Amino acid sequence: MDLGAFSISLTVKDLAASLAFYEKLGFTSFGGDLAQGWLILKNGDHIIGLFEGMFEKNMLTFNPGWNQNAENVDQFTDVRELQKQLEAHGVAIVSGVDDTPAGPASIVLEDPDGNPILIDQHR
């Protein structure tokens, strides 16, 4: 099962303070919008999303259709197919996709400890 690019999405109290901290660890801004309350940071292949006031908990994030540079890949497993595969394995989906045949969509599931996992397809 290919889930796509991986990052961790962190819920932060002060986006500017978090940005300053992670810059000290060698991360640079890769995308997002400070004014909208979110940034994507990168250090090599490591990606961190910082989100102020958008999520309740930190979460693992996967992006089908992208590599670690947020570049489209030719072949990938659509999030709708991933949902079907996960359900077939008995994984409960907290928030699923509708019946649209293609395009952007996301699903959310939780691991046994309640940690949220977002599978977010952008194309």
PDB file of N, CA and C in Angstrom:
ATOM      1  N   MET A   1       0.857  -1.169   0.000  1.00  0.00           N
ATOM      2  CA  MET A   1       0.000   0.000   0.000  1.00  0.00           C
ATOM      3  C   MET A   1       0.901   1.228   0.000  1.00  0.00           C
ATOM      4  N   ASP A   2       0.863   2.013  -1.068  1.00  0.00           N
ATOM      5  CA  ASP A   2       1.677   3.217  -1.186  1.00  0.00           C
ATOM      6  C   ASP A   2       0.850   4.412  -0.747  1.00  0.00           C
ATOM      7  N   LEU A   3       1.250   5.030   0.361  1.00  0.00           N
ATOM      8  CA  LEU A   3       0.499   6.150   0.920  1.00  0.00           C
ATOM      9  C   LEU A   3       0.979   7.507   0.419  1.00  0.00           C
ATOM     10  N   GLY A   4       2.083   7.555  -0.304  1.00  0.00           N
ATOM     11  CA  GLY A   4       2.592   8.820  -0.822  1.00  0.00           C
ATOM     12  C   GLY A   4       3.569   9.484   0.127  1.00  0.00           C
ATOM     13  N   ALA A   5       3.762  10.773  -0.056  1.00  0.00           N
ATOM     14  CA  ALA A   5       4.708  11.549   0.755  1.00  0.00           C
ATOM     15  C   ALA A   5       4.275  11.546   2.212  1.00  0.00           C
ATOM     16  N   PHE A   6       5.257  11.585   3.116  1.00  0.00           N
ATOM     17  CA  PHE A   6       4.977  11.562   4.550  1.00  0.00           C
ATOM     18  C   PHE A   6       5.435  12.852   5.206  1.00  0.00           C
ATOM     19  N   SER A   7       4.632  13.328   6.147  1.00  0.00           N
ATOM     20  CA  SER A   7       5.028  14.446   7.005  1.00  0.00           C
ATOM     21  C   SER A   7       4.290  14.303   8.327  1.00  0.00           C
ATOM     22  N   ILE A   8       4.695  15.093   9.278  1.00  0.00           N
ATOM     23  CA  ILE A   8       3.952  15.183  10.527  1.00  0.00           C
ATOM     24  C   ILE A   8       3.330  16.566  10.576  1.00  0.00           C
ATOM     25  N   SER A   9       2.065  16.620  10.932  1.00  0.00           N
ATOM     26  CA  SER A   9       1.354  17.892  11.049  1.00  0.00           C
ATOM     27  C   SER A   9       1.223  18.216  12.531  1.00  0.00           C
ATOM     28  N   LEU A  10       1.827  19.316  12.928  1.00  0.00           N
ATOM     29  CA  LEU A  10       1.837  19.712  14.328  1.00  0.00           C
ATOM     30  C   LEU A  10       0.868  20.854  14.577  1.00  0.00           C
ATOM     31  N   THR A  11       0.075  20.713  15.605  1.00  0.00           N
ATOM     32  CA  THR A  11      -0.775  21.815  16.027  1.00  0.00           C
ATOM     33  C   THR A  11       0.068  22.699  16.943  1.00  0.00           C
ATOM     34  N   VAL A  12       0.139  23.976  16.644  1.00  0.00           N
ATOM     35  CA  VAL A  12       1.013  24.883  17.393  1.00  0.00           C
ATOM     36  C   VAL A  12       0.203  26.037  17.971  1.00  0.00           C
ATOM     37  N   LYS A  13       0.700  26.585  19.075  1.00  0.00           N
ATOM     38  CA  LYS A  13       0.032  27.720  19.734  1.00  0.00           C
ATOM     39  C   LYS A  13       0.434  29.052  19.118  1.00  0.00           C
ATOM     40  N   ASP A  14       1.696  29.145  18.685  1.00  0.00           N
ATOM     41  CA  ASP A  14       2.228  30.394  18.129  1.00  0.00           C
ATOM     42  C   ASP A  14       3.062  30.035  16.908  1.00  0.00           C
ATOM     43  N   LEU A  15       2.500  30.234  15.736  1.00  0.00           N
ATOM     44  CA  LEU A  15       3.146  29.818  14.492  1.00  0.00           C
ATOM     45  C   LEU A  15       4.507  30.475  14.307  1.00  0.00           C
ATOM     46  N   ALA A  16       4.611  31.759  14.583  1.00  0.00           N
ATOM     47  CA  ALA A  16       5.889  32.458  14.400  1.00  0.00           C
ATOM     48  C   ALA A  16       6.959  31.899  15.343  1.00  0.00           C
ATOM     49  N   ALA A  17       6.585  31.618  16.583  1.00  0.00           N
ATOM     50  CA  ALA A  17       7.544  31.056  17.543  1.00  0.00           C
ATOM     51  C   ALA A  17       7.971  29.655  17.113  1.00  0.00           C
ATOM     52  N   SER A  18       7.030  28.857  16.623  1.00  0.00           N
ATOM     53  CA  SER A  18       7.358  27.507  16.163  1.00  0.00           C
ATOM     54  C   SER A  18       8.262  27.560  14.943  1.00  0.00           C
ATOM     55  N   LEU A  19       7.967  28.461  14.021  1.00  0.00           N
ATOM     56  CA  LEU A  19       8.821  28.626  12.843  1.00  0.00           C
ATOM     57  C   LEU A  19      10.243  28.965  13.269  1.00  0.00           C
ATOM     58  N   ALA A  20      10.391  29.923  14.171  1.00  0.00           N
ATOM     59  CA  ALA A  20      11.728  30.323  14.636  1.00  0.00           C
ATOM     60  C   ALA A  20      12.459  29.141  15.269  1.00  0.00           C
ATOM     61  N   PHE A  21      11.752  28.326  16.048  1.00  0.00           N
ATOM     62  CA  PHE A  21      12.364  27.157  16.680  1.00  0.00           C
ATOM     63  C   PHE A  21      12.843  26.156  15.637  1.00  0.00           C
ATOM     64  N   TYR A  22      11.982  25.786  14.707  1.00  0.00           N
ATOM     65  CA  TYR A  22      12.349  24.769  13.722  1.00  0.00           C
ATOM     66  C   TYR A  22      13.407  25.265  12.737  1.00  0.00           C
ATOM     67  N   GLU A  23      13.464  26.561  12.504  1.00  0.00           N
ATOM     68  CA  GLU A  23      14.548  27.107  11.680  1.00  0.00           C
ATOM     69  C   GLU A  23      15.901  26.875  12.354  1.00  0.00           C
ATOM     70  N   LYS A  24      15.925  26.909  13.697  1.00  0.00           N
ATOM     71  CA  LYS A  24      17.163  26.640  14.430  1.00  0.00           C
ATOM     72  C   LYS A  24      17.594  25.185  14.272  1.00  0.00           C
ATOM     73  N   LEU A  25      16.656  24.307  13.926  1.00  0.00           N
ATOM     74  CA  LEU A  25      16.969  22.905  13.673  1.00  0.00           C
ATOM     75  C   LEU A  25      17.306  22.646  12.203  1.00  0.00           C
ATOM     76  N   GLY A  26      17.346  23.712  11.401  1.00  0.00           N
ATOM     77  CA  GLY A  26      17.729  23.580  10.004  1.00  0.00           C
ATOM     78  C   GLY A  26      16.571  23.465   9.027  1.00  0.00           C
ATOM     79  N   PHE A  27      15.343  23.618   9.493  1.00  0.00           N
ATOM     80  CA  PHE A  27      14.186  23.567   8.597  1.00  0.00           C
ATOM     81  C   PHE A  27      14.013  24.912   7.914  1.00  0.00           C
ATOM     82  N   THR A  28      13.552  24.887   6.668  1.00  0.00           N
ATOM     83  CA  THR A  28      13.229  26.107   5.932  1.00  0.00           C
ATOM     84  C   THR A  28      11.787  26.020   5.449  1.00  0.00           C
ATOM     85  N   SER A  29      11.186  27.167   5.263  1.00  0.00           N
ATOM     86  CA  SER A  29       9.800  27.216   4.799  1.00  0.00           C
ATOM     87  C   SER A  29       9.719  26.692   3.374  1.00  0.00           C
ATOM     88  N   PHE A  30       8.780  25.796   3.161  1.00  0.00           N
ATOM     89  CA  PHE A  30       8.635  25.095   1.883  1.00  0.00           C
ATOM     90  C   PHE A  30       7.302  25.422   1.223  1.00  0.00           C
ATOM     91  N   GLY A  31       6.363  25.894   2.014  1.00  0.00           N
ATOM     92  CA  GLY A  31       5.043  26.219   1.495  1.00  0.00           C
ATOM     93  C   GLY A  31       4.154  26.707   2.618  1.00  0.00           C
ATOM     94  N   GLY A  32       2.940  27.079   2.255  1.00  0.00           N
ATOM     95  CA  GLY A  32       1.986  27.544   3.253  1.00  0.00           C
ATOM     96  C   GLY A  32       1.870  29.041   3.264  1.00  0.00           C
ATOM     97  N   ASP A  33       1.209  29.557   4.317  1.00  0.00           N
ATOM     98  CA  ASP A  33       0.934  30.982   4.418  1.00  0.00           C
ATOM     99  C   ASP A  33       0.855  31.360   5.889  1.00  0.00           C
ATOM    100  N   LEU A  34       1.824  32.108   6.348  1.00  0.00           N
ATOM    101  CA  LEU A  34       1.873  32.541   7.741  1.00  0.00           C
ATOM    102  C   LEU A  34       0.593  33.276   8.134  1.00  0.00           C
ATOM    103  N   ALA A  35       0.089  34.133   7.249  1.00  0.00           N
ATOM    104  CA  ALA A  35      -1.126  34.900   7.539  1.00  0.00           C
ATOM    105  C   ALA A  35      -2.358  34.008   7.695  1.00  0.00           C
ATOM    106  N   GLN A  36      -2.363  32.856   7.016  1.00  0.00           N
ATOM    107  CA  GLN A  36      -3.485  31.916   7.132  1.00  0.00           C
ATOM    108  C   GLN A  36      -3.298  30.924   8.276  1.00  0.00           C
ATOM    109  N   GLY A  37      -2.133  30.954   8.926  1.00  0.00           N
ATOM    110  CA  GLY A  37      -1.907  30.116  10.092  1.00  0.00           C
ATOM    111  C   GLY A  37      -1.325  28.743   9.816  1.00  0.00           C
ATOM    112  N   TRP A  38      -0.656  28.577   8.673  1.00  0.00           N
ATOM    113  CA  TRP A  38      -0.041  27.272   8.404  1.00  0.00           C
ATOM    114  C   TRP A  38       1.195  27.428   7.539  1.00  0.00           C
ATOM    115  N   LEU A  39       2.181  26.570   7.816  1.00  0.00           N
ATOM    116  CA  LEU A  39       3.427  26.537   7.050  1.00  0.00           C
ATOM    117  C   LEU A  39       3.884  25.098   6.903  1.00  0.00           C
ATOM    118  N   ILE A  40       4.559  24.819   5.819  1.00  0.00           N
ATOM    119  CA  ILE A  40       5.189  23.528   5.599  1.00  0.00           C
ATOM    120  C   ILE A  40       6.701  23.785   5.598  1.00  0.00           C
ATOM    121  N   LEU A  41       7.412  23.044   6.437  1.00  0.00           N
ATOM    122  CA  LEU A  41       8.852  23.214   6.574  1.00  0.00           C
ATOM    123  C   LEU A  41       9.561  21.950   6.110  1.00  0.00           C
ATOM    124  N   LYS A  42      10.778  22.127   5.634  1.00  0.00           N
ATOM    125  CA  LYS A  42      11.520  20.986   5.115  1.00  0.00           C
ATOM    126  C   LYS A  42      12.976  21.064   5.544  1.00  0.00           C
ATOM    127  N   ASN A  43      13.532  19.901   5.853  1.00  0.00           N
ATOM    128  CA  ASN A  43      14.954  19.733   6.147  1.00  0.00           C
ATOM    129  C   ASN A  43      15.355  18.418   5.500  1.00  0.00           C
ATOM    130  N   GLY A  44      15.993  18.474   4.351  1.00  0.00           N
ATOM    131  CA  GLY A  44      16.278  17.265   3.585  1.00  0.00           C
ATOM    132  C   GLY A  44      14.963  16.645   3.139  1.00  0.00           C
ATOM    133  N   ASP A  45      14.787  15.362   3.433  1.00  0.00           N
ATOM    134  CA  ASP A  45      13.525  14.689   3.106  1.00  0.00           C
ATOM    135  C   ASP A  45      12.489  14.792   4.223  1.00  0.00           C
ATOM    136  N   HIS A  46      12.830  15.453   5.313  1.00  0.00           N
ATOM    137  CA  HIS A  46      11.939  15.549   6.467  1.00  0.00           C
ATOM    138  C   HIS A  46      11.019  16.750   6.331  1.00  0.00           C
ATOM    139  N   ILE A  47       9.727  16.508   6.490  1.00  0.00           N
ATOM    140  CA  ILE A  47       8.725  17.553   6.313  1.00  0.00           C
ATOM    141  C   ILE A  47       7.884  17.666   7.575  1.00  0.00           C
ATOM    142  N   ILE A  48       7.696  18.902   8.018  1.00  0.00           N
ATOM    143  CA  ILE A  48       6.837  19.201   9.156  1.00  0.00           C
ATOM    144  C   ILE A  48       5.831  20.249   8.706  1.00  0.00           C
ATOM    145  N   GLY A  49       4.560  20.006   8.991  1.00  0.00           N
ATOM    146  CA  GLY A  49       3.534  21.016   8.793  1.00  0.00           C
ATOM    147  C   GLY A  49       3.217  21.651  10.134  1.00  0.00           C
ATOM    148  N   LEU A  50       3.171  22.967  10.179  1.00  0.00           N
ATOM    149  CA  LEU A  50       2.806  23.693  11.397  1.00  0.00           C
ATOM    150  C   LEU A  50       1.446  24.342  11.165  1.00  0.00           C
ATOM    151  N   PHE A  51       0.501  24.071  12.065  1.00  0.00           N
ATOM    152  CA  PHE A  51      -0.873  24.542  11.892  1.00  0.00           C
ATOM    153  C   PHE A  51      -1.361  25.179  13.181  1.00  0.00           C
ATOM    154  N   GLU A  52      -1.634  26.456  13.129  1.00  0.00           N
ATOM    155  CA  GLU A  52      -2.121  27.178  14.305  1.00  0.00           C
ATOM    156  C   GLU A  52      -3.645  27.233  14.278  1.00  0.00           C
ATOM    157  N   GLY A  53      -4.260  26.599  15.272  1.00  0.00           N
ATOM    158  CA  GLY A  53      -5.712  26.666  15.427  1.00  0.00           C
ATOM    159  C   GLY A  53      -6.518  25.867  14.416  1.00  0.00           C
ATOM    160  N   MET A  54      -5.919  24.910  13.737  1.00  0.00           N
ATOM    161  CA  MET A  54      -6.646  24.151  12.711  1.00  0.00           C
ATOM    162  C   MET A  54      -6.996  22.735  13.137  1.00  0.00           C
ATOM    163  N   PHE A  55      -6.164  22.125  13.979  1.00  0.00           N
ATOM    164  CA  PHE A  55      -6.377  20.742  14.400  1.00  0.00           C
ATOM    165  C   PHE A  55      -6.306  20.666  15.914  1.00  0.00           C
ATOM    166  N   GLU A  56      -6.964  19.652  16.474  1.00  0.00           N
ATOM    167  CA  GLU A  56      -6.905  19.446  17.912  1.00  0.00           C
ATOM    168  C   GLU A  56      -5.641  18.722  18.338  1.00  0.00           C
ATOM    169  N   LYS A  57      -5.167  17.794  17.497  1.00  0.00           N
ATOM    170  CA  LYS A  57      -4.017  16.959  17.844  1.00  0.00           C
ATOM    171  C   LYS A  57      -2.999  16.959  16.718  1.00  0.00           C
ATOM    172  N   ASN A  58      -1.755  16.650  17.079  1.00  0.00           N
ATOM    173  CA  ASN A  58      -0.741  16.380  16.065  1.00  0.00           C
ATOM    174  C   ASN A  58      -1.176  15.156  15.281  1.00  0.00           C
ATOM    175  N   MET A  59      -0.796  15.068  14.020  1.00  0.00           N
ATOM    176  CA  MET A  59      -1.174  13.894  13.240  1.00  0.00           C
ATOM    177  C   MET A  59      -0.138  13.550  12.190  1.00  0.00           C
ATOM    178  N   LEU A  60      -0.104  12.264  11.871  1.00  0.00           N
ATOM    179  CA  LEU A  60       0.696  11.789  10.755  1.00  0.00           C
ATOM    180  C   LEU A  60      -0.054  12.143   9.480  1.00  0.00           C
ATOM    181  N   THR A  61       0.660  12.562   8.456  1.00  0.00           N
ATOM    182  CA  THR A  61       0.018  12.947   7.205  1.00  0.00           C
ATOM    183  C   THR A  61       0.710  12.254   6.037  1.00  0.00           C
ATOM    184  N   PHE A  62      -0.100  11.730   5.142  1.00  0.00           N
ATOM    185  CA  PHE A  62       0.385  11.106   3.911  1.00  0.00           C
ATOM    186  C   PHE A  62      -0.311  11.784   2.743  1.00  0.00           C
ATOM    187  N   ASN A  63       0.420  11.981   1.652  1.00  0.00           N
ATOM    188  CA  ASN A  63      -0.121  12.639   0.467  1.00  0.00           C
ATOM    189  C   ASN A  63       0.052  11.753  -0.759  1.00  0.00           C
ATOM    190  N   PRO A  64      -0.984  10.957  -1.094  1.00  0.00           N
ATOM    191  CA  PRO A  64      -0.917  10.160  -2.330  1.00  0.00           C
ATOM    192  C   PRO A  64      -0.744  11.072  -3.542  1.00  0.00           C
ATOM    193  N   GLY A  65       0.090  10.638  -4.470  1.00  0.00           N
ATOM    194  CA  GLY A  65       0.295  11.412  -5.691  1.00  0.00           C
ATOM    195  C   GLY A  65       1.453  12.384  -5.622  1.00  0.00           C
ATOM    196  N   TRP A  66       2.099  12.479  -4.456  1.00  0.00           N
ATOM    197  CA  TRP A  66       3.238  13.381  -4.283  1.00  0.00           C
ATOM    198  C   TRP A  66       4.459  12.615  -3.827  1.00  0.00           C
ATOM    199  N   ASN A  67       5.635  13.135  -4.191  1.00  0.00           N
ATOM    200  CA  ASN A  67       6.872  12.659  -3.590  1.00  0.00           C
ATOM    201  C   ASN A  67       7.228  13.600  -2.435  1.00  0.00           C
ATOM    202  N   GLN A  68       8.395  13.407  -1.810  1.00  0.00           N
ATOM    203  CA  GLN A  68       8.769  14.207  -0.639  1.00  0.00           C
ATOM    204  C   GLN A  68       9.081  15.664  -0.986  1.00  0.00           C
ATOM    205  N   ASN A  69       9.097  16.022  -2.265  1.00  0.00           N
ATOM    206  CA  ASN A  69       9.284  17.410  -2.676  1.00  0.00           C
ATOM    207  C   ASN A  69       7.972  18.053  -3.112  1.00  0.00           C
ATOM    208  N   ALA A  70       6.845  17.409  -2.783  1.00  0.00           N
ATOM    209  CA  ALA A  70       5.513  17.878  -3.169  1.00  0.00           C
ATOM    210  C   ALA A  70       5.381  17.985  -4.684  1.00  0.00           C
ATOM    211  N   GLU A  71       6.072  17.097  -5.383  1.00  0.00           N
ATOM    212  CA  GLU A  71       5.983  17.021  -6.844  1.00  0.00           C
ATOM    213  C   GLU A  71       5.063  15.864  -7.203  1.00  0.00           C
ATOM    214  N   ASN A  72       4.249  16.074  -8.228  1.00  0.00           N
ATOM    215  CA  ASN A  72       3.347  15.017  -8.679  1.00  0.00           C
ATOM    216  C   ASN A  72       4.141  13.815  -9.171  1.00  0.00           C
ATOM    217  N   VAL A  73       3.640  12.630  -8.856  1.00  0.00           N
ATOM    218  CA  VAL A  73       4.209  11.395  -9.384  1.00  0.00           C
ATOM    219  C   VAL A  73       3.209  10.808 -10.374  1.00  0.00           C
ATOM    220  N   ASP A  74       3.723  10.116 -11.379  1.00  0.00           N
ATOM    221  CA  ASP A  74       2.858   9.582 -12.428  1.00  0.00           C
ATOM    222  C   ASP A  74       1.919   8.498 -11.923  1.00  0.00           C
ATOM    223  N   GLN A  75       2.450   7.570 -11.162  1.00  0.00           N
ATOM    224  CA  GLN A  75       1.654   6.436 -10.695  1.00  0.00           C
ATOM    225  C   GLN A  75       1.449   6.558  -9.187  1.00  0.00           C
ATOM    226  N   PHE A  76       0.211   6.458  -8.740  1.00  0.00           N
ATOM    227  CA  PHE A  76      -0.075   6.464  -7.312  1.00  0.00           C
ATOM    228  C   PHE A  76      -1.429   5.809  -7.071  1.00  0.00           C
ATOM    229  N   THR A  77      -1.632   5.402  -5.832  1.00  0.00           N
ATOM    230  CA  THR A  77      -2.901   4.797  -5.450  1.00  0.00           C
ATOM    231  C   THR A  77      -3.832   5.890  -4.962  1.00  0.00           C
ATOM    232  N   ASP A  78      -4.975   6.029  -5.616  1.00  0.00           N
ATOM    233  CA  ASP A  78      -5.963   7.044  -5.266  1.00  0.00           C
ATOM    234  C   ASP A  78      -6.471   6.815  -3.847  1.00  0.00           C
ATOM    235  N   VAL A  79      -6.756   7.908  -3.154  1.00  0.00           N
ATOM    236  CA  VAL A  79      -7.216   7.832  -1.769  1.00  0.00           C
ATOM    237  C   VAL A  79      -8.499   7.003  -1.629  1.00  0.00           C
ATOM    238  N   ARG A  80      -9.329   6.988  -2.664  1.00  0.00           N
ATOM    239  CA  ARG A  80     -10.557   6.182  -2.611  1.00  0.00           C
ATOM    240  C   ARG A  80     -10.233   4.684  -2.582  1.00  0.00           C
ATOM    241  N   GLU A  81      -9.215   4.300  -3.351  1.00  0.00           N
ATOM    242  CA  GLU A  81      -8.758   2.915  -3.342  1.00  0.00           C
ATOM    243  C   GLU A  81      -8.102   2.582  -2.006  1.00  0.00           C
ATOM    244  N   LEU A  82      -7.334   3.523  -1.475  1.00  0.00           N
ATOM    245  CA  LEU A  82      -6.725   3.301  -0.159  1.00  0.00           C
ATOM    246  C   LEU A  82      -7.802   3.074   0.900  1.00  0.00           C
ATOM    247  N   GLN A  83      -8.872   3.866   0.841  1.00  0.00           N
ATOM    248  CA  GLN A  83      -9.968   3.694   1.797  1.00  0.00           C
ATOM    249  C   GLN A  83     -10.564   2.287   1.683  1.00  0.00           C
ATOM    250  N   LYS A  84     -10.795   1.832   0.470  1.00  0.00           N
ATOM    251  CA  LYS A  84     -11.344   0.485   0.267  1.00  0.00           C
ATOM    252  C   LYS A  84     -10.411  -0.579   0.835  1.00  0.00           C
ATOM    253  N   GLN A  85      -9.107  -0.435   0.578  1.00  0.00           N
ATOM    254  CA  GLN A  85      -8.141  -1.405   1.074  1.00  0.00           C
ATOM    255  C   GLN A  85      -8.101  -1.411   2.602  1.00  0.00           C
ATOM    256  N   LEU A  86      -8.113  -0.218   3.193  1.00  0.00           N
ATOM    257  CA  LEU A  86      -8.078  -0.130   4.652  1.00  0.00           C
ATOM    258  C   LEU A  86      -9.330  -0.747   5.273  1.00  0.00           C
ATOM    259  N   GLU A  87     -10.481  -0.433   4.713  1.00  0.00           N
ATOM    260  CA  GLU A  87     -11.725  -1.009   5.224  1.00  0.00           C
ATOM    261  C   GLU A  87     -11.727  -2.530   5.083  1.00  0.00           C
ATOM    262  N   ALA A  88     -11.166  -3.037   3.986  1.00  0.00           N
ATOM    263  CA  ALA A  88     -11.087  -4.486   3.782  1.00  0.00           C
ATOM    264  C   ALA A  88     -10.203  -5.148   4.840  1.00  0.00           C
ATOM    265  N   HIS A  89      -9.250  -4.380   5.393  1.00  0.00           N
ATOM    266  CA  HIS A  89      -8.381  -4.890   6.451  1.00  0.00           C
ATOM    267  C   HIS A  89      -8.969  -4.637   7.845  1.00  0.00           C
ATOM    268  N   GLY A  90     -10.199  -4.113   7.894  1.00  0.00           N
ATOM    269  CA  GLY A  90     -10.857  -3.885   9.178  1.00  0.00           C
ATOM    270  C   GLY A  90     -10.484  -2.592   9.866  1.00  0.00           C
ATOM    271  N   VAL A  91      -9.878  -1.662   9.131  1.00  0.00           N
ATOM    272  CA  VAL A  91      -9.507  -0.367   9.707  1.00  0.00           C
ATOM    273  C   VAL A  91     -10.714   0.559   9.650  1.00  0.00           C
ATOM    274  N   ALA A  92     -11.092   1.104  10.792  1.00  0.00           N
ATOM    275  CA  ALA A  92     -12.218   2.038  10.858  1.00  0.00           C
ATOM    276  C   ALA A  92     -11.787   3.396  10.307  1.00  0.00           C
ATOM    277  N   ILE A  93     -12.611   3.951   9.461  1.00  0.00           N
ATOM    278  CA  ILE A  93     -12.362   5.270   8.884  1.00  0.00           C
ATOM    279  C   ILE A  93     -13.179   6.281   9.674  1.00  0.00           C
ATOM    280  N   VAL A  94     -12.506   7.279  10.254  1.00  0.00           N
ATOM    281  CA  VAL A  94     -13.186   8.310  11.049  1.00  0.00           C
ATOM    282  C   VAL A  94     -13.933   9.268  10.137  1.00  0.00           C
ATOM    283  N   SER A  95     -13.274   9.654   9.057  1.00  0.00           N
ATOM    284  CA  SER A  95     -13.855  10.565   8.074  1.00  0.00           C
ATOM    285  C   SER A  95     -13.433  10.052   6.699  1.00  0.00           C
ATOM    286  N   GLY A  96     -14.408   9.666   5.874  1.00  0.00           N
ATOM    287  CA  GLY A  96     -14.092   9.053   4.593  1.00  0.00           C
ATOM    288  C   GLY A  96     -14.392   9.945   3.408  1.00  0.00           C
ATOM    289  N   VAL A  97     -14.058   9.411   2.232  1.00  0.00           N
ATOM    290  CA  VAL A  97     -14.319  10.126   0.984  1.00  0.00           C
ATOM    291  C   VAL A  97     -15.707   9.758   0.469  1.00  0.00           C
ATOM    292  N   ASP A  98     -16.241  10.633  -0.359  1.00  0.00           N
ATOM    293  CA  ASP A  98     -17.541  10.365  -0.967  1.00  0.00           C
ATOM    294  C   ASP A  98     -17.348   9.547  -2.236  1.00  0.00           C
ATOM    295  N   ASP A  99     -18.350   9.494  -3.048  1.00  0.00           N
ATOM    296  CA  ASP A  99     -18.312   8.668  -4.249  1.00  0.00           C
ATOM    297  C   ASP A  99     -17.779   9.376  -5.489  1.00  0.00           C
ATOM    298  N   THR A 100     -17.155  10.550  -5.344  1.00  0.00           N
ATOM    299  CA  THR A 100     -16.589  11.201  -6.515  1.00  0.00           C
ATOM    300  C   THR A 100     -15.521  10.288  -7.114  1.00  0.00           C
ATOM    301  N   PRO A 101     -15.464  10.203  -8.437  1.00  0.00           N
ATOM    302  CA  PRO A 101     -14.583   9.220  -9.062  1.00  0.00           C
ATOM    303  C   PRO A 101     -13.096   9.544  -9.009  1.00  0.00           C
ATOM    304  N   ALA A 102     -12.728  10.814  -8.867  1.00  0.00           N
ATOM    305  CA  ALA A 102     -11.308  11.188  -8.885  1.00  0.00           C
ATOM    306  C   ALA A 102     -11.137  12.590  -8.326  1.00  0.00           C
ATOM    307  N   GLY A 103      -9.891  12.985  -8.159  1.00  0.00           N
ATOM    308  CA  GLY A 103      -9.579  14.338  -7.727  1.00  0.00           C
ATOM    309  C   GLY A 103      -9.239  14.428  -6.254  1.00  0.00           C
ATOM    310  N   PRO A 104      -9.066  15.664  -5.782  1.00  0.00           N
ATOM    311  CA  PRO A 104      -8.680  15.873  -4.391  1.00  0.00           C
ATOM    312  C   PRO A 104      -9.701  15.275  -3.413  1.00  0.00           C
ATOM    313  N   ALA A 105      -9.177  14.658  -2.370  1.00  0.00           N
ATOM    314  CA  ALA A 105     -10.024  14.080  -1.325  1.00  0.00           C
ATOM    315  C   ALA A 105      -9.129  13.660  -0.170  1.00  0.00           C
ATOM    316  N   SER A 106      -9.733  13.419   0.976  1.00  0.00           N
ATOM    317  CA  SER A 106      -8.944  12.976   2.121  1.00  0.00           C
ATOM    318  C   SER A 106      -9.761  12.046   2.996  1.00  0.00           C
ATOM    319  N   ILE A 107      -9.030  11.246   3.771  1.00  0.00           N
ATOM    320  CA  ILE A 107      -9.646  10.390   4.775  1.00  0.00           C
ATOM    321  C   ILE A 107      -8.861  10.552   6.069  1.00  0.00           C
ATOM    322  N   VAL A 108      -9.524  10.267   7.180  1.00  0.00           N
ATOM    323  CA  VAL A 108      -8.880  10.300   8.488  1.00  0.00           C
ATOM    324  C   VAL A 108      -9.184   8.980   9.179  1.00  0.00           C
ATOM    325  N   LEU A 109      -8.154   8.412   9.774  1.00  0.00           N
ATOM    326  CA  LEU A 109      -8.306   7.231  10.606  1.00  0.00           C
ATOM    327  C   LEU A 109      -7.497   7.458  11.865  1.00  0.00           C
ATOM    328  N   GLU A 110      -7.633   6.563  12.838  1.00  0.00           N
ATOM    329  CA  GLU A 110      -6.867   6.678  14.072  1.00  0.00           C
ATOM    330  C   GLU A 110      -6.171   5.361  14.353  1.00  0.00           C
ATOM    331  N   ASP A 111      -4.968   5.450  14.904  1.00  0.00           N
ATOM    332  CA  ASP A 111      -4.273   4.237  15.321  1.00  0.00           C
ATOM    333  C   ASP A 111      -4.888   3.759  16.646  1.00  0.00           C
ATOM    334  N   PRO A 112      -4.465   2.616  17.172  1.00  0.00           N
ATOM    335  CA  PRO A 112      -5.081   2.090  18.394  1.00  0.00           C
ATOM    336  C   PRO A 112      -4.981   3.009  19.611  1.00  0.00           C
ATOM    337  N   ASP A 113      -4.044   3.970  19.583  1.00  0.00           N
ATOM    338  CA  ASP A 113      -3.893   4.898  20.695  1.00  0.00           C
ATOM    339  C   ASP A 113      -4.632   6.212  20.483  1.00  0.00           C
ATOM    340  N   GLY A 114      -5.396   6.309  19.401  1.00  0.00           N
ATOM    341  CA  GLY A 114      -6.165   7.515  19.134  1.00  0.00           C
ATOM    342  C   GLY A 114      -5.401   8.588  18.393  1.00  0.00           C
ATOM    343  N   ASN A 115      -4.208   8.270  17.893  1.00  0.00           N
ATOM    344  CA  ASN A 115      -3.453   9.233  17.104  1.00  0.00           C
ATOM    345  C   ASN A 115      -4.058   9.347  15.716  1.00  0.00           C
ATOM    346  N   PRO A 116      -4.424  10.553  15.307  1.00  0.00           N
ATOM    347  CA  PRO A 116      -5.030  10.706  13.980  1.00  0.00           C
ATOM    348  C   PRO A 116      -4.012  10.563  12.851  1.00  0.00           C
ATOM    349  N   ILE A 117      -4.490   9.970  11.761  1.00  0.00           N
ATOM    350  CA  ILE A 117      -3.695   9.818  10.541  1.00  0.00           C
ATOM    351  C   ILE A 117      -4.527  10.399   9.398  1.00  0.00           C
ATOM    352  N   LEU A 118      -3.990  11.390   8.729  1.00  0.00           N
ATOM    353  CA  LEU A 118      -4.635  12.044   7.604  1.00  0.00           C
ATOM    354  C   LEU A 118      -4.013  11.546   6.314  1.00  0.00           C
ATOM    355  N   ILE A 119      -4.825  11.072   5.404  1.00  0.00           N
ATOM    356  CA  ILE A 119      -4.370  10.731   4.059  1.00  0.00           C
ATOM    357  C   ILE A 119      -5.048  11.735   3.131  1.00  0.00           C
ATOM    358  N   ASP A 120      -4.250  12.686   2.658  1.00  0.00           N
ATOM    359  CA  ASP A 120      -4.759  13.885   1.993  1.00  0.00           C
ATOM    360  C   ASP A 120      -4.210  13.957   0.569  1.00  0.00           C
ATOM    361  N   GLN A 121      -5.085  13.688  -0.398  1.00  0.00           N
ATOM    362  CA  GLN A 121      -4.706  13.706  -1.799  1.00  0.00           C
ATOM    363  C   GLN A 121      -5.069  15.055  -2.400  1.00  0.00           C
ATOM    364  N   HIS A 122      -4.097  15.705  -3.025  1.00  0.00           N
ATOM    365  CA  HIS A 122      -4.296  17.059  -3.559  1.00  0.00           C
ATOM    366  C   HIS A 122      -4.660  17.115  -5.022  1.00  0.00           C
ATOM    367  N   ARG A 123      -4.629  15.974  -5.725  1.00  0.00           N
ATOM    368  CA  ARG A 123      -4.949  16.019  -7.159  1.00  0.00           C
ATOM    369  C   ARG A 123      -5.763  14.827  -7.586  1.00  0.00           C
TER     370      ARG A 123
END
